[in-house]
Amino acid sequence: MQISQHLLPVDQTVQTCIAGESTVIKAIRDEIFKVRGMKKDDAYVSGYWKVGMIEDEHQTYKQTMHA
């Protein structure tokens, strides 16, 4: 996955809200926090569903991953 170089300007504060399928969101989260150094206070990033799971299954999965 390639994220635009223009997504996070170096000389400005950027705030964002990103939500989507959890596998895709993990890659985006890693990019913006680990690679680009965005502050976690400036972003809401949520993998709110997962391919192949219904909502209740995914919520249980997320809770066990963060326990």
Protein backbone atom coordinates (compact mmCIF):
# COMPACT_ATOMS: atom_id res chain seq x y z
CA MET A 1 0.00 0.00 0.00
CA GLN A 2 1.30 3.43 -0.87
CA ILE A 3 0.11 6.48 1.01
CA SER A 4 0.50 9.85 -0.66
CA GLN A 5 3.53 11.86 0.35
CA HIS A 6 1.19 14.85 0.62
CA LEU A 7 -0.89 13.21 3.33
CA LEU A 8 1.15 14.55 6.26
CA PRO A 9 2.92 17.86 5.58
CA VAL A 10 6.05 18.24 7.69
CA ASP A 11 5.50 21.88 8.62
CA GLN A 12 1.83 21.65 9.67
CA THR A 13 -0.28 19.90 12.29
CA VAL A 14 -2.65 17.41 10.71
CA GLN A 15 -5.64 15.87 12.46
CA THR A 16 -7.50 12.93 10.99
CA CYS A 17 -10.28 10.41 11.50
CA ILE A 18 -9.82 7.13 9.63
CA ALA A 19 -12.08 4.08 9.81
CA GLY A 20 -12.44 0.99 7.67
CA GLU A 21 -11.68 -2.71 7.35
CA SER A 22 -9.24 -3.68 10.10
CA THR A 23 -6.52 -5.23 7.90
CA VAL A 24 -6.30 -2.09 5.77
CA ILE A 25 -6.48 0.17 8.82
CA LYS A 26 -3.55 -1.65 10.49
CA ALA A 27 -1.34 -0.79 7.51
CA ILE A 28 -2.50 2.84 7.56
CA ARG A 29 -2.02 3.07 11.35
CA ASP A 30 1.53 1.72 11.06
CA GLU A 31 2.32 4.19 8.29
CA ILE A 32 1.03 7.33 9.97
CA PHE A 33 2.27 6.60 13.50
CA LYS A 34 5.46 4.56 13.04
CA VAL A 35 6.76 5.78 9.70
CA ARG A 36 5.54 9.37 9.62
CA GLY A 37 5.50 10.05 13.36
CA MET A 38 2.01 11.47 13.66
CA LYS A 39 0.96 12.09 17.26
CA LYS A 40 -1.76 9.72 18.46
CA ASP A 41 -3.63 12.66 20.01
CA ASP A 42 -4.10 14.06 16.50
CA ALA A 43 -5.74 10.95 15.03
CA TYR A 44 -8.68 8.63 15.49
CA VAL A 45 -7.95 5.41 13.60
CA SER A 46 -10.37 2.50 13.89
CA GLY A 47 -10.66 -0.87 12.22
CA TYR A 48 -14.38 -1.15 12.79
CA TRP A 49 -15.06 -4.29 10.76
CA LYS A 50 -13.15 -7.31 9.47
CA VAL A 51 -13.77 -9.29 6.31
CA GLY A 52 -15.48 -12.57 7.16
CA MET A 53 -16.73 -11.54 10.63
CA ILE A 54 -20.07 -10.22 11.78
CA GLU A 55 -20.08 -7.18 14.09
CA ASP A 56 -20.29 -9.12 17.37
CA GLU A 57 -17.41 -11.41 16.36
CA HIS A 58 -15.25 -8.48 15.42
CA GLN A 59 -15.94 -6.62 18.68
CA THR A 60 -14.95 -9.74 20.66
CA TYR A 61 -11.83 -10.12 18.52
CA LYS A 62 -10.82 -6.47 19.15
CA GLN A 63 -11.36 -6.83 22.90
CA THR A 64 -9.15 -9.93 23.11
CA MET A 65 -6.42 -8.27 21.01
CA HIS A 66 -6.28 -5.27 23.38
CA ALA A 67 -6.58 -7.22 26.63
